Amino acid sequence: MVTKKILDNGETRWVVRFYEEGRGSKRIFKSFERKVDAENFLNKTKEDLRNKQLNPFGHITFKDRIFEDEANNLALQQNRGN
């Protein structure tokens, strides 16, 4: 949700607040100077979360990829030895 917040000095800030996966999950809270930036951030973040829910293994980190490569190399070495 994007809300408008007016500061004491008269400046306007646009605030994005939402939960990642509903109540009890991580709460996202970020402020922006422009409404467009806040809406873009909200849309991009929601799209990323939706993609993560549809394909939980699609976001493989560097550490996971290196571990997978090492496991594959170890398996190849063991197969050559047998």
Protein backbone atom coordinates (compact mmCIF):
# COMPACT_ATOMS: atom_id res chain seq x y z
CA MET A 1 0.00 0.00 0.00
CA VAL A 2 1.30 3.46 -0.91
CA THR A 3 0.36 6.26 1.48
CA LYS A 4 1.18 9.93 1.62
CA LYS A 5 3.00 11.34 4.63
CA ILE A 6 3.56 15.04 5.24
CA LEU A 7 6.54 15.85 7.44
CA ASP A 8 6.73 18.66 10.02
CA ASN A 9 8.83 20.81 7.69
CA GLY A 10 6.15 20.61 4.96
CA GLU A 11 7.88 18.03 2.75
CA THR A 12 5.85 15.18 1.29
CA ARG A 13 7.04 11.58 1.47
CA TRP A 14 5.40 8.55 -0.09
CA VAL A 15 5.48 5.48 2.13
CA VAL A 16 5.18 1.84 1.02
CA ARG A 17 4.02 -0.60 3.70
CA PHE A 18 3.05 -4.24 3.28
CA TYR A 19 3.72 -7.75 4.55
CA GLU A 20 5.61 -10.21 2.36
CA GLU A 21 3.25 -13.14 2.87
CA GLY A 22 0.45 -11.84 5.07
CA ARG A 23 0.30 -11.46 8.81
CA GLY A 24 3.19 -12.85 10.78
CA SER A 25 5.67 -12.46 7.93
CA LYS A 26 8.33 -9.87 7.29
CA ARG A 27 6.98 -6.31 7.06
CA ILE A 28 8.33 -4.05 4.32
CA PHE A 29 8.42 -0.31 5.11
CA LYS A 30 10.15 2.14 2.78
CA SER A 31 9.72 5.85 2.02
CA PHE A 32 10.27 7.77 -1.22
CA GLU A 33 10.30 11.38 -2.34
CA ARG A 34 8.17 10.73 -5.43
CA LYS A 35 4.92 8.78 -5.71
CA VAL A 36 6.04 7.18 -8.98
CA ASP A 37 9.11 5.70 -7.28
CA ALA A 38 6.98 4.30 -4.47
CA GLU A 39 4.50 2.71 -6.88
CA ASN A 40 7.29 1.24 -9.02
CA PHE A 41 8.97 -0.26 -5.96
CA LEU A 42 5.68 -1.74 -4.75
CA ASN A 43 4.84 -3.25 -8.14
CA LYS A 44 8.34 -4.68 -8.65
CA THR A 45 8.45 -6.16 -5.15
CA LYS A 46 5.00 -7.73 -5.47
CA GLU A 47 5.93 -9.19 -8.85
CA ASP A 48 9.14 -10.68 -7.39
CA LEU A 49 7.19 -12.21 -4.48
CA ARG A 50 4.58 -13.64 -6.86
CA ASN A 51 7.32 -15.21 -9.02
CA LYS A 52 8.98 -16.62 -5.91
CA GLN A 53 5.69 -18.25 -4.84
CA LEU A 54 5.12 -19.72 -8.31
CA ASN A 55 8.67 -21.05 -8.61
CA PRO A 56 10.37 -21.24 -5.19
CA PHE A 57 13.53 -22.78 -6.68
CA GLY A 58 13.84 -20.19 -9.45
CA HIS A 59 15.81 -17.82 -7.24
CA ILE A 60 19.03 -19.75 -6.73
CA THR A 61 21.72 -17.80 -4.93
CA PHE A 62 25.40 -17.81 -5.82
CA LYS A 63 26.16 -19.93 -2.75
CA ASP A 64 23.55 -22.54 -3.77
CA ARG A 65 24.90 -22.68 -7.32
CA ILE A 66 28.50 -23.17 -6.12
CA PHE A 67 27.38 -25.90 -3.71
CA GLU A 68 25.50 -27.64 -6.53
CA ASP A 69 28.54 -27.42 -8.83
CA GLU A 70 30.80 -28.89 -6.13
CA ALA A 71 28.36 -31.71 -5.48
CA ASN A 72 28.22 -32.52 -9.21
CA ASN A 73 32.03 -32.49 -9.47
CA LEU A 74 32.33 -34.80 -6.46
CA ALA A 75 29.79 -37.20 -7.96
CA LEU A 76 31.73 -37.27 -11.26
CA GLN A 77 34.98 -38.00 -9.43
CA GLN A 78 33.38 -40.82 -7.47
CA ASN A 79 31.90 -42.34 -10.64
CA ARG A 80 35.29 -42.26 -12.37
CA GLY A 81 36.87 -44.03 -9.41
CA ASN A 82 34.30 -46.89 -9.44
